[in-house]
Amino acid sequence: MSDRIPRIEFDDFMPELADALRPKVERLGYCGEIWRIGANAPKSMLSFCNFTEDLKAELPEKLVELVALTVAGVMGNVYERNQHERLSEKLGFGRDWIGDVNALKGDASTALGEDERKVQKFVLAALEGRGHGVEAEFDEVVSAIGPEHAVAVLLAIGRNVTHAIFRNTLALTPPVGSIFAEEKVA
């Protein structure tokens, strides 16, 4: 982890960035290190926050979580995976669904609906092929969820890859553990 990047305290954030993040910070009870580092580039981080919220407004919650968990799994972003496991559970998606998404099986997933399997299959193929040669999988997604949601899935993949590169480069420790790790401890 780079200690050369200052961690900015929430009270010192650019006001617009603080306003955008306040609901999340209040809900979680802390300001994540990723935001404290990102506050070094406040305008870009604000755009990232707004981008995230806009995607959440354009996609059904289950697809937002499916894309986030899938990209986090492929990219080894345990920070985001753990956060989205908890959010998915809070949203009522169930541990079977979360576990199946985390298994990264695409079409072979049993707890996912047909449209969700198609989306995960596409996300996995897009990441593996870096977007090349995935036209057939994307056409299936467009047919399953419509053009507006399909485009939002494309953008959500990019958003989550950005988060993963940021987190992985800085080797940030997840602020919370996996819901499944806790299950084993009990």
N, C-alpha and C. Protein backbone atom coordinates (compact mmCIF):
# COMPACT_ATOMS: atom_id res chain seq x y z
N MET A 1 0.85 -1.18 0.00
CA MET A 1 0.00 0.00 0.00
C MET A 1 0.89 1.24 0.00
N SER A 2 0.52 2.19 -0.79
CA SER A 2 1.30 3.41 -0.86
C SER A 2 0.95 4.33 0.30
N ASP A 3 1.97 4.63 1.09
CA ASP A 3 1.76 5.59 2.17
C ASP A 3 2.13 7.00 1.71
N ARG A 4 2.46 7.12 0.43
CA ARG A 4 2.81 8.43 -0.12
C ARG A 4 1.57 9.22 -0.52
N ILE A 5 0.41 8.55 -0.52
CA ILE A 5 -0.85 9.23 -0.84
C ILE A 5 -1.54 9.58 0.47
N PRO A 6 -1.74 10.87 0.73
CA PRO A 6 -2.40 11.25 1.99
C PRO A 6 -3.82 10.71 2.07
N ARG A 7 -4.22 10.37 3.27
CA ARG A 7 -5.61 9.99 3.55
C ARG A 7 -6.28 11.24 4.12
N ILE A 8 -7.20 11.78 3.36
CA ILE A 8 -7.85 13.04 3.74
C ILE A 8 -9.04 12.72 4.64
N GLU A 9 -9.17 13.46 5.70
CA GLU A 9 -10.28 13.28 6.62
C GLU A 9 -11.57 13.79 5.97
N PHE A 10 -12.66 13.12 6.25
CA PHE A 10 -13.95 13.46 5.66
C PHE A 10 -14.30 14.94 5.85
N ASP A 11 -14.02 15.47 7.02
CA ASP A 11 -14.32 16.88 7.29
C ASP A 11 -13.53 17.84 6.41
N ASP A 12 -12.45 17.35 5.79
CA ASP A 12 -11.62 18.18 4.92
C ASP A 12 -11.90 17.96 3.43
N PHE A 13 -12.88 17.15 3.10
CA PHE A 13 -13.23 16.90 1.70
C PHE A 13 -13.76 18.18 1.06
N MET A 14 -13.59 18.28 -0.25
CA MET A 14 -14.24 19.32 -1.02
C MET A 14 -15.74 19.23 -0.68
N PRO A 15 -16.41 20.36 -0.41
CA PRO A 15 -17.80 20.32 0.05
C PRO A 15 -18.74 19.48 -0.83
N GLU A 16 -18.60 19.59 -2.15
CA GLU A 16 -19.48 18.83 -3.04
C GLU A 16 -19.25 17.33 -2.91
N LEU A 17 -17.99 16.93 -2.73
CA LEU A 17 -17.67 15.51 -2.55
C LEU A 17 -18.21 15.02 -1.21
N ALA A 18 -18.04 15.81 -0.18
CA ALA A 18 -18.57 15.44 1.14
C ALA A 18 -20.08 15.28 1.08
N ASP A 19 -20.76 16.21 0.40
CA ASP A 19 -22.22 16.12 0.27
C ASP A 19 -22.64 14.85 -0.46
N ALA A 20 -21.91 14.51 -1.52
CA ALA A 20 -22.24 13.31 -2.30
C ALA A 20 -22.04 12.03 -1.49
N LEU A 21 -21.02 12.01 -0.65
CA LEU A 21 -20.69 10.80 0.11
C LEU A 21 -21.36 10.72 1.48
N ARG A 22 -21.88 11.83 1.97
CA ARG A 22 -22.44 11.86 3.33
C ARG A 22 -23.45 10.74 3.59
N PRO A 23 -24.43 10.50 2.71
CA PRO A 23 -25.39 9.42 3.00
C PRO A 23 -24.71 8.06 3.16
N LYS A 24 -23.71 7.79 2.34
CA LYS A 24 -22.98 6.52 2.43
C LYS A 24 -22.18 6.45 3.72
N VAL A 25 -21.49 7.52 4.06
CA VAL A 25 -20.68 7.55 5.29
C VAL A 25 -21.59 7.38 6.52
N GLU A 26 -22.72 8.05 6.50
CA GLU A 26 -23.65 7.93 7.64
C GLU A 26 -24.24 6.53 7.72
N ARG A 27 -24.56 5.92 6.57
CA ARG A 27 -25.14 4.57 6.56
C ARG A 27 -24.12 3.56 7.07
N LEU A 28 -22.88 3.68 6.61
CA LEU A 28 -21.83 2.72 7.00
C LEU A 28 -21.26 3.01 8.39
N GLY A 29 -21.29 4.27 8.78
CA GLY A 29 -20.70 4.64 10.07
C GLY A 29 -19.20 4.92 9.98
N TYR A 30 -18.65 4.99 8.78
CA TYR A 30 -17.24 5.32 8.58
C TYR A 30 -17.04 5.81 7.15
N CYS A 31 -15.93 6.47 6.93
CA CYS A 31 -15.55 6.89 5.59
C CYS A 31 -14.44 5.96 5.12
N GLY A 32 -14.72 5.16 4.12
CA GLY A 32 -13.76 4.18 3.62
C GLY A 32 -12.48 4.82 3.12
N GLU A 33 -11.42 4.04 3.25
CA GLU A 33 -10.10 4.53 2.84
C GLU A 33 -10.06 4.88 1.36
N ILE A 34 -10.82 4.16 0.56
CA ILE A 34 -10.82 4.44 -0.88
C ILE A 34 -11.29 5.87 -1.15
N TRP A 35 -12.28 6.35 -0.37
CA TRP A 35 -12.77 7.71 -0.55
C TRP A 35 -11.78 8.72 0.01
N ARG A 36 -11.13 8.36 1.11
CA ARG A 36 -10.15 9.26 1.73
C ARG A 36 -8.94 9.46 0.81
N ILE A 37 -8.58 8.43 0.07
CA ILE A 37 -7.50 8.55 -0.91
C ILE A 37 -7.99 9.29 -2.15
N GLY A 38 -9.18 8.90 -2.61
CA GLY A 38 -9.76 9.53 -3.80
C GLY A 38 -9.98 11.02 -3.64
N ALA A 39 -10.14 11.48 -2.40
CA ALA A 39 -10.36 12.91 -2.14
C ALA A 39 -9.16 13.75 -2.55
N ASN A 40 -8.02 13.11 -2.86
CA ASN A 40 -6.87 13.84 -3.39
C ASN A 40 -7.14 14.35 -4.81
N ALA A 41 -8.07 13.73 -5.50
CA ALA A 41 -8.52 14.18 -6.83
C ALA A 41 -10.03 14.41 -6.71
N PRO A 42 -10.43 15.45 -5.99
CA PRO A 42 -11.83 15.58 -5.59
C PRO A 42 -12.84 15.70 -6.72
N LYS A 43 -12.51 16.39 -7.79
CA LYS A 43 -13.46 16.53 -8.89
C LYS A 43 -13.68 15.19 -9.59
N SER A 44 -12.59 14.47 -9.81
CA SER A 44 -12.71 13.15 -10.44
C SER A 44 -13.44 12.18 -9.53
N MET A 45 -13.15 12.24 -8.23
CA MET A 45 -13.83 11.34 -7.30
C MET A 45 -15.32 11.69 -7.22
N LEU A 46 -15.65 12.96 -7.29
CA LEU A 46 -17.05 13.36 -7.32
C LEU A 46 -17.73 12.80 -8.57
N SER A 47 -17.06 12.89 -9.70
CA SER A 47 -17.61 12.32 -10.94
C SER A 47 -17.81 10.82 -10.79
N PHE A 48 -16.85 10.14 -10.16
CA PHE A 48 -16.96 8.70 -9.92
C PHE A 48 -18.16 8.40 -9.03
N CYS A 49 -18.36 9.19 -7.98
CA CYS A 49 -19.52 9.01 -7.09
C CYS A 49 -20.82 9.22 -7.85
N ASN A 50 -20.87 10.28 -8.64
CA ASN A 50 -22.08 10.56 -9.41
C ASN A 50 -22.34 9.47 -10.45
N PHE A 51 -21.28 8.99 -11.09
CA PHE A 51 -21.37 7.91 -12.06
C PHE A 51 -21.97 6.67 -11.39
N THR A 52 -21.48 6.36 -10.20
CA THR A 52 -21.97 5.21 -9.45
C THR A 52 -23.46 5.35 -9.17
N GLU A 53 -23.86 6.51 -8.68
CA GLU A 53 -25.27 6.73 -8.34
C GLU A 53 -26.16 6.73 -9.60
N ASP A 54 -25.65 7.28 -10.69
CA ASP A 54 -26.42 7.27 -11.94
C ASP A 54 -26.64 5.85 -12.43
N LEU A 55 -25.61 5.02 -12.34
CA LEU A 55 -25.76 3.62 -12.75
C LEU A 55 -26.78 2.89 -11.87
N LYS A 56 -26.75 3.17 -10.57
CA LYS A 56 -27.71 2.55 -9.66
C LYS A 56 -29.14 2.97 -10.00
N ALA A 57 -29.29 4.17 -10.54
CA ALA A 57 -30.62 4.65 -10.92
C ALA A 57 -31.09 4.04 -12.25
N GLU A 58 -30.16 3.61 -13.07
CA GLU A 58 -30.52 3.10 -14.40
C GLU A 58 -30.60 1.58 -14.49
N LEU A 59 -30.14 0.88 -13.48
CA LEU A 59 -30.17 -0.58 -13.48
C LEU A 59 -30.97 -1.09 -12.29
N PRO A 60 -31.67 -2.20 -12.45
CA PRO A 60 -32.29 -2.83 -11.29
C PRO A 60 -31.21 -3.21 -10.26
N GLU A 61 -31.57 -3.14 -8.98
CA GLU A 61 -30.60 -3.39 -7.91
C GLU A 61 -29.87 -4.72 -8.07
N LYS A 62 -30.60 -5.77 -8.46
CA LYS A 62 -29.96 -7.08 -8.59
C LYS A 62 -28.87 -7.06 -9.66
N LEU A 63 -29.09 -6.33 -10.75
CA LEU A 63 -28.07 -6.27 -11.80
C LEU A 63 -26.88 -5.43 -11.36
N VAL A 64 -27.13 -4.35 -10.62
CA VAL A 64 -26.03 -3.56 -10.07
C VAL A 64 -25.13 -4.46 -9.22
N GLU A 65 -25.76 -5.23 -8.34
CA GLU A 65 -25.00 -6.09 -7.43
C GLU A 65 -24.34 -7.24 -8.17
N LEU A 66 -25.03 -7.81 -9.15
CA LEU A 66 -24.45 -8.90 -9.93
C LEU A 66 -23.19 -8.46 -10.65
N VAL A 67 -23.25 -7.30 -11.29
CA VAL A 67 -22.08 -6.79 -12.01
C VAL A 67 -20.95 -6.47 -11.01
N ALA A 68 -21.28 -5.81 -9.92
CA ALA A 68 -20.26 -5.44 -8.93
C ALA A 68 -19.58 -6.68 -8.36
N LEU A 69 -20.36 -7.67 -7.96
CA LEU A 69 -19.79 -8.88 -7.37
C LEU A 69 -19.00 -9.69 -8.40
N THR A 70 -19.49 -9.75 -9.63
CA THR A 70 -18.79 -10.50 -10.67
C THR A 70 -17.45 -9.87 -11.00
N VAL A 71 -17.44 -8.56 -11.22
CA VAL A 71 -16.18 -7.88 -11.53
C VAL A 71 -15.23 -7.99 -10.34
N ALA A 72 -15.74 -7.80 -9.14
CA ALA A 72 -14.89 -7.91 -7.95
C ALA A 72 -14.27 -9.30 -7.85
N GLY A 73 -15.05 -10.33 -8.15
CA GLY A 73 -14.53 -11.70 -8.10
C GLY A 73 -13.44 -11.93 -9.12
N VAL A 74 -13.68 -11.53 -10.36
CA VAL A 74 -12.69 -11.72 -11.42
C VAL A 74 -11.42 -10.91 -11.14
N MET A 75 -11.60 -9.69 -10.65
CA MET A 75 -10.47 -8.78 -10.44
C MET A 75 -9.79 -8.96 -9.09
N GLY A 76 -10.31 -9.84 -8.24
CA GLY A 76 -9.72 -10.04 -6.92
C GLY A 76 -9.88 -8.85 -6.01
N ASN A 77 -10.96 -8.12 -6.18
CA ASN A 77 -11.22 -6.91 -5.38
C ASN A 77 -12.06 -7.30 -4.16
N VAL A 78 -11.39 -7.82 -3.13
CA VAL A 78 -12.12 -8.28 -1.94
C VAL A 78 -12.77 -7.12 -1.21
N TYR A 79 -12.22 -5.93 -1.30
CA TYR A 79 -12.80 -4.74 -0.68
C TYR A 79 -14.23 -4.55 -1.18
N GLU A 80 -14.39 -4.52 -2.49
CA GLU A 80 -15.71 -4.29 -3.09
C GLU A 80 -16.60 -5.53 -2.95
N ARG A 81 -16.01 -6.71 -3.10
CA ARG A 81 -16.81 -7.94 -2.96
C ARG A 81 -17.46 -8.00 -1.59
N ASN A 82 -16.68 -7.76 -0.54
CA ASN A 82 -17.23 -7.83 0.81
C ASN A 82 -18.33 -6.79 1.02
N GLN A 83 -18.09 -5.58 0.52
CA GLN A 83 -19.10 -4.52 0.66
C GLN A 83 -20.40 -4.91 -0.06
N HIS A 84 -20.27 -5.45 -1.27
CA HIS A 84 -21.46 -5.77 -2.05
C HIS A 84 -22.14 -7.05 -1.59
N GLU A 85 -21.40 -7.96 -0.97
CA GLU A 85 -22.07 -9.10 -0.32
C GLU A 85 -23.02 -8.59 0.75
N ARG A 86 -22.52 -7.69 1.57
CA ARG A 86 -23.33 -7.15 2.67
C ARG A 86 -24.52 -6.34 2.15
N LEU A 87 -24.29 -5.55 1.13
CA LEU A 87 -25.38 -4.77 0.56
C LEU A 87 -26.42 -5.70 -0.06
N SER A 88 -25.98 -6.70 -0.79
CA SER A 88 -26.91 -7.65 -1.41
C SER A 88 -27.74 -8.37 -0.36
N GLU A 89 -27.10 -8.73 0.73
CA GLU A 89 -27.84 -9.39 1.81
C GLU A 89 -28.86 -8.42 2.43
N LYS A 90 -28.44 -7.18 2.63
CA LYS A 90 -29.34 -6.16 3.19
C LYS A 90 -30.53 -5.92 2.26
N LEU A 91 -30.30 -6.02 0.96
CA LEU A 91 -31.37 -5.82 -0.02
C LEU A 91 -32.28 -7.05 -0.13
N GLY A 92 -31.93 -8.12 0.57
CA GLY A 92 -32.78 -9.31 0.61
C GLY A 92 -32.54 -10.32 -0.48
N PHE A 93 -31.36 -10.29 -1.12
CA PHE A 93 -31.10 -11.20 -2.23
C PHE A 93 -30.74 -12.62 -1.76
N GLY A 94 -30.39 -12.79 -0.51
CA GLY A 94 -30.13 -14.12 0.05
C GLY A 94 -28.72 -14.62 -0.21
N ARG A 95 -28.24 -15.39 0.73
CA ARG A 95 -26.88 -15.92 0.64
C ARG A 95 -26.70 -16.91 -0.51
N ASP A 96 -27.75 -17.66 -0.84
CA ASP A 96 -27.63 -18.58 -1.98
C ASP A 96 -27.36 -17.80 -3.26
N TRP A 97 -28.11 -16.72 -3.46
CA TRP A 97 -27.92 -15.90 -4.66
C TRP A 97 -26.52 -15.27 -4.65
N ILE A 98 -26.13 -14.70 -3.52
CA ILE A 98 -24.81 -14.05 -3.41
C ILE A 98 -23.70 -15.08 -3.66
N GLY A 99 -23.81 -16.23 -3.03
CA GLY A 99 -22.81 -17.28 -3.22
C GLY A 99 -22.72 -17.74 -4.66
N ASP A 100 -23.88 -17.84 -5.32
CA ASP A 100 -23.88 -18.27 -6.72
C ASP A 100 -23.24 -17.22 -7.61
N VAL A 101 -23.51 -15.95 -7.35
CA VAL A 101 -22.85 -14.89 -8.13
C VAL A 101 -21.35 -14.98 -7.90
N ASN A 102 -20.92 -15.12 -6.65
CA ASN A 102 -19.49 -15.20 -6.33
C ASN A 102 -18.81 -16.40 -6.95
N ALA A 103 -19.56 -17.47 -7.25
CA ALA A 103 -18.97 -18.67 -7.85
C ALA A 103 -18.53 -18.43 -9.29
N LEU A 104 -19.02 -17.36 -9.91
CA LEU A 104 -18.62 -16.95 -11.26
C LEU A 104 -18.86 -18.06 -12.29
N LYS A 105 -20.03 -18.66 -12.25
CA LYS A 105 -20.36 -19.77 -13.14
C LYS A 105 -21.15 -19.35 -14.38
N GLY A 106 -21.64 -18.13 -14.42
CA GLY A 106 -22.42 -17.68 -15.58
C GLY A 106 -23.65 -18.54 -15.80
N ASP A 107 -23.70 -19.20 -16.95
CA ASP A 107 -24.86 -20.01 -17.32
C ASP A 107 -25.14 -21.16 -16.35
N ALA A 108 -24.12 -21.64 -15.66
CA ALA A 108 -24.29 -22.79 -14.77
C ALA A 108 -24.85 -22.42 -13.39
N SER A 109 -25.02 -21.16 -13.12
CA SER A 109 -25.54 -20.72 -11.82
C SER A 109 -26.97 -21.20 -11.65
N THR A 110 -27.29 -21.67 -10.44
CA THR A 110 -28.63 -22.19 -10.19
C THR A 110 -29.54 -21.20 -9.46
N ALA A 111 -28.98 -20.33 -8.65
CA ALA A 111 -29.81 -19.40 -7.87
C ALA A 111 -30.16 -18.14 -8.65
N LEU A 112 -29.53 -17.95 -9.81
CA LEU A 112 -29.77 -16.76 -10.61
C LEU A 112 -30.91 -17.00 -11.60
N GLY A 113 -31.65 -15.94 -11.87
CA GLY A 113 -32.67 -16.01 -12.91
C GLY A 113 -32.01 -16.07 -14.28
N GLU A 114 -32.80 -16.41 -15.29
CA GLU A 114 -32.26 -16.58 -16.65
C GLU A 114 -31.58 -15.30 -17.14
N ASP A 115 -32.22 -14.15 -16.96
CA ASP A 115 -31.62 -12.89 -17.40
C ASP A 115 -30.33 -12.61 -16.65
N GLU A 116 -30.31 -12.89 -15.36
CA GLU A 116 -29.11 -12.68 -14.54
C GLU A 116 -27.97 -13.58 -15.01
N ARG A 117 -28.27 -14.81 -15.37
CA ARG A 117 -27.23 -15.73 -15.88
C ARG A 117 -26.64 -15.18 -17.18
N LYS A 118 -27.49 -14.65 -18.04
CA LYS A 118 -27.01 -14.09 -19.31
C LYS A 118 -26.11 -12.88 -19.05
N VAL A 119 -26.51 -12.03 -18.11
CA VAL A 119 -25.69 -10.86 -17.80
C VAL A 119 -24.35 -11.31 -17.22
N GLN A 120 -24.36 -12.25 -16.28
CA GLN A 120 -23.08 -12.68 -15.71
C GLN A 120 -22.20 -13.35 -16.76
N LYS A 121 -22.80 -14.17 -17.61
CA LYS A 121 -22.02 -14.81 -18.68
C LYS A 121 -21.35 -13.75 -19.55
N PHE A 122 -22.09 -12.68 -19.87
CA PHE A 122 -21.51 -11.60 -20.67
C PHE A 122 -20.40 -10.89 -19.92
N VAL A 123 -20.63 -10.54 -18.66
CA VAL A 123 -19.61 -9.83 -17.87
C VAL A 123 -18.32 -10.66 -17.82
N LEU A 124 -18.46 -11.94 -17.57
CA LEU A 124 -17.28 -12.82 -17.51
C LEU A 124 -16.55 -12.86 -18.85
N ALA A 125 -17.31 -12.99 -19.93
CA ALA A 125 -16.71 -13.03 -21.27
C ALA A 125 -16.06 -11.69 -21.63
N ALA A 126 -16.75 -10.59 -21.29
CA ALA A 126 -16.21 -9.26 -21.61
C ALA A 126 -14.89 -9.02 -20.89
N LEU A 127 -14.82 -9.43 -19.62
CA LEU A 127 -13.57 -9.24 -18.87
C LEU A 127 -12.47 -10.14 -19.41
N GLU A 128 -12.81 -11.39 -19.68
CA GLU A 128 -11.80 -12.32 -20.18
C GLU A 128 -11.26 -11.88 -21.53
N GLY A 129 -12.15 -11.44 -22.41
CA GLY A 129 -11.73 -11.04 -23.75
C GLY A 129 -11.44 -9.57 -23.90
N ARG A 130 -11.51 -8.84 -22.78
CA ARG A 130 -11.29 -7.40 -22.79
C ARG A 130 -12.22 -6.69 -23.78
N GLY A 131 -13.45 -7.25 -23.86
CA GLY A 131 -14.47 -6.67 -24.72
C GLY A 131 -14.45 -7.15 -26.16
N HIS A 132 -13.46 -7.95 -26.54
CA HIS A 132 -13.36 -8.45 -27.91
C HIS A 132 -14.10 -9.78 -28.04
N GLY A 133 -14.79 -9.95 -29.15
CA GLY A 133 -15.41 -11.23 -29.45
C GLY A 133 -16.59 -11.61 -28.56
N VAL A 134 -17.26 -10.62 -28.01
CA VAL A 134 -18.38 -10.91 -27.10
C VAL A 134 -19.72 -10.41 -27.66
N GLU A 135 -19.78 -10.22 -28.96
CA GLU A 135 -20.98 -9.69 -29.56
C GLU A 135 -22.19 -10.60 -29.33
N ALA A 136 -22.01 -11.91 -29.45
CA ALA A 136 -23.13 -12.83 -29.28
C ALA A 136 -23.65 -12.79 -27.84
N GLU A 137 -22.75 -12.77 -26.86
CA GLU A 137 -23.17 -12.70 -25.46
C GLU A 137 -23.87 -11.37 -25.17
N PHE A 138 -23.36 -10.29 -25.77
CA PHE A 138 -23.99 -8.98 -25.55
C PHE A 138 -25.37 -8.93 -26.20
N ASP A 139 -25.51 -9.51 -27.40
CA ASP A 139 -26.82 -9.56 -28.04
C ASP A 139 -27.84 -10.30 -27.17
N GLU A 140 -27.39 -11.35 -26.48
CA GLU A 140 -28.29 -12.08 -25.56
C GLU A 140 -28.72 -11.17 -24.42
N VAL A 141 -27.80 -10.35 -23.92
CA VAL A 141 -28.12 -9.42 -22.84
C VAL A 141 -29.12 -8.37 -23.32
N VAL A 142 -28.89 -7.82 -24.50
CA VAL A 142 -29.81 -6.82 -25.06
C VAL A 142 -31.20 -7.43 -25.20
N SER A 143 -31.28 -8.66 -25.72
CA SER A 143 -32.58 -9.32 -25.86
C SER A 143 -33.24 -9.58 -24.51
N ALA A 144 -32.43 -9.89 -23.52
CA ALA A 144 -32.97 -10.25 -22.20
C ALA A 144 -33.42 -9.04 -21.40
N ILE A 145 -32.63 -7.95 -21.41
CA ILE A 145 -32.93 -6.83 -20.50
C ILE A 145 -33.16 -5.50 -21.21
N GLY A 146 -33.05 -5.47 -22.52
CA GLY A 146 -33.29 -4.24 -23.28
C GLY A 146 -32.03 -3.41 -23.45
N PRO A 147 -32.05 -2.53 -24.45
CA PRO A 147 -30.86 -1.74 -24.78
C PRO A 147 -30.42 -0.79 -23.67
N GLU A 148 -31.37 -0.15 -22.99
CA GLU A 148 -30.99 0.82 -21.95
C GLU A 148 -30.23 0.13 -20.82
N HIS A 149 -30.77 -0.98 -20.34
CA HIS A 149 -30.10 -1.70 -19.26
C HIS A 149 -28.81 -2.34 -19.74
N ALA A 150 -28.78 -2.82 -20.98
CA ALA A 150 -27.56 -3.44 -21.51
C ALA A 150 -26.41 -2.43 -21.56
N VAL A 151 -26.71 -1.22 -22.00
CA VAL A 151 -25.68 -0.17 -22.04
C VAL A 151 -25.22 0.16 -20.62
N ALA A 152 -26.15 0.23 -19.68
CA ALA A 152 -25.79 0.49 -18.29
C ALA A 152 -24.91 -0.63 -17.73
N VAL A 153 -25.15 -1.88 -18.14
CA VAL A 153 -24.28 -2.99 -17.73
C VAL A 153 -22.86 -2.75 -18.25
N LEU A 154 -22.73 -2.35 -19.50
CA LEU A 154 -21.40 -2.05 -20.05
C LEU A 154 -20.68 -1.00 -19.20
N LEU A 155 -21.39 0.06 -18.90
CA LEU A 155 -20.79 1.14 -18.11
C LEU A 155 -20.48 0.68 -16.68
N ALA A 156 -21.34 -0.15 -16.12
CA ALA A 156 -21.11 -0.67 -14.76
C ALA A 156 -19.87 -1.55 -14.71
N ILE A 157 -19.63 -2.30 -15.76
CA ILE A 157 -18.39 -3.10 -15.81
C ILE A 157 -17.19 -2.17 -15.70
N GLY A 158 -17.19 -1.10 -16.50
CA GLY A 158 -16.08 -0.15 -16.46
C GLY A 158 -15.92 0.51 -15.11
N ARG A 159 -17.02 0.87 -14.49
CA ARG A 159 -16.97 1.49 -13.17
C ARG A 159 -16.32 0.55 -12.16
N ASN A 160 -16.71 -0.71 -12.21
CA ASN A 160 -16.19 -1.67 -11.24
C ASN A 160 -14.75 -2.08 -11.52
N VAL A 161 -14.35 -2.09 -12.78
CA VAL A 161 -12.94 -2.34 -13.10
C VAL A 161 -12.10 -1.17 -12.57
N THR A 162 -12.59 0.05 -12.73
CA THR A 162 -11.87 1.22 -12.21
C THR A 162 -11.67 1.08 -10.70
N HIS A 163 -12.72 0.72 -9.99
CA HIS A 163 -12.62 0.54 -8.54
C HIS A 163 -11.59 -0.54 -8.21
N ALA A 164 -11.61 -1.64 -8.95
CA ALA A 164 -10.69 -2.75 -8.68
C ALA A 164 -9.23 -2.34 -8.91
N ILE A 165 -8.96 -1.63 -9.98
CA ILE A 165 -7.59 -1.18 -10.26
C ILE A 165 -7.12 -0.25 -9.14
N PHE A 166 -7.98 0.66 -8.74
CA PHE A 166 -7.68 1.61 -7.67
C PHE A 166 -7.36 0.84 -6.38
N ARG A 167 -8.27 -0.04 -5.98
CA ARG A 167 -8.10 -0.80 -4.73
C ARG A 167 -6.90 -1.72 -4.79
N ASN A 168 -6.77 -2.47 -5.88
CA ASN A 168 -5.69 -3.45 -5.96
C ASN A 168 -4.32 -2.79 -6.02
N THR A 169 -4.22 -1.67 -6.75
CA THR A 169 -2.94 -0.95 -6.83
C THR A 169 -2.50 -0.48 -5.45
N LEU A 170 -3.44 -0.01 -4.66
CA LEU A 170 -3.13 0.52 -3.34
C LEU A 170 -3.17 -0.56 -2.25
N ALA A 171 -3.53 -1.79 -2.62
CA ALA A 171 -3.61 -2.91 -1.67
C ALA A 171 -4.40 -2.54 -0.42
N LEU A 172 -5.56 -1.92 -0.64
CA LEU A 172 -6.38 -1.49 0.48
C LEU A 172 -7.02 -2.68 1.18
N THR A 173 -6.97 -2.67 2.48
CA THR A 173 -7.58 -3.72 3.29
C THR A 173 -9.08 -3.48 3.37
N PRO A 174 -9.87 -4.52 3.13
CA PRO A 174 -11.33 -4.34 3.22
C PRO A 174 -11.73 -3.91 4.63
N PRO A 175 -12.65 -2.95 4.73
CA PRO A 175 -13.08 -2.50 6.06
C PRO A 175 -13.97 -3.52 6.76
N VAL A 176 -14.54 -4.45 5.99
CA VAL A 176 -15.39 -5.50 6.55
C VAL A 176 -15.03 -6.82 5.89
N GLY A 177 -15.31 -7.91 6.58
CA GLY A 177 -15.03 -9.24 6.03
C GLY A 177 -16.16 -9.74 5.16
N SER A 178 -15.92 -10.87 4.52
CA SER A 178 -16.94 -11.54 3.73
C SER A 178 -18.02 -12.09 4.65
N ILE A 179 -19.25 -12.04 4.19
CA ILE A 179 -20.33 -12.62 4.99
C ILE A 179 -20.15 -14.12 5.11
N PHE A 180 -19.48 -14.73 4.18
CA PHE A 180 -19.27 -16.18 4.21
C PHE A 180 -18.13 -16.56 5.15
N ALA A 181 -17.14 -15.70 5.30
CA ALA A 181 -16.06 -15.95 6.24
C ALA A 181 -16.61 -15.91 7.67
N GLU A 182 -17.53 -14.97 7.92
CA GLU A 182 -18.15 -14.88 9.24
C GLU A 182 -18.96 -16.13 9.55
N GLU A 183 -19.61 -16.68 8.51
CA GLU A 183 -20.43 -17.86 8.68
C GLU A 183 -19.58 -19.03 9.17
N LYS A 184 -18.36 -19.16 8.65
CA LYS A 184 -17.47 -20.26 9.03
C LYS A 184 -16.97 -20.10 10.46
N VAL A 185 -16.79 -18.87 10.91
CA VAL A 185 -16.28 -18.61 12.24
C VAL A 185 -17.29 -19.00 13.30
N ALA A 186 -18.56 -18.76 13.02
CA ALA A 186 -19.62 -19.01 14.00
C ALA A 186 -19.77 -20.48 14.36
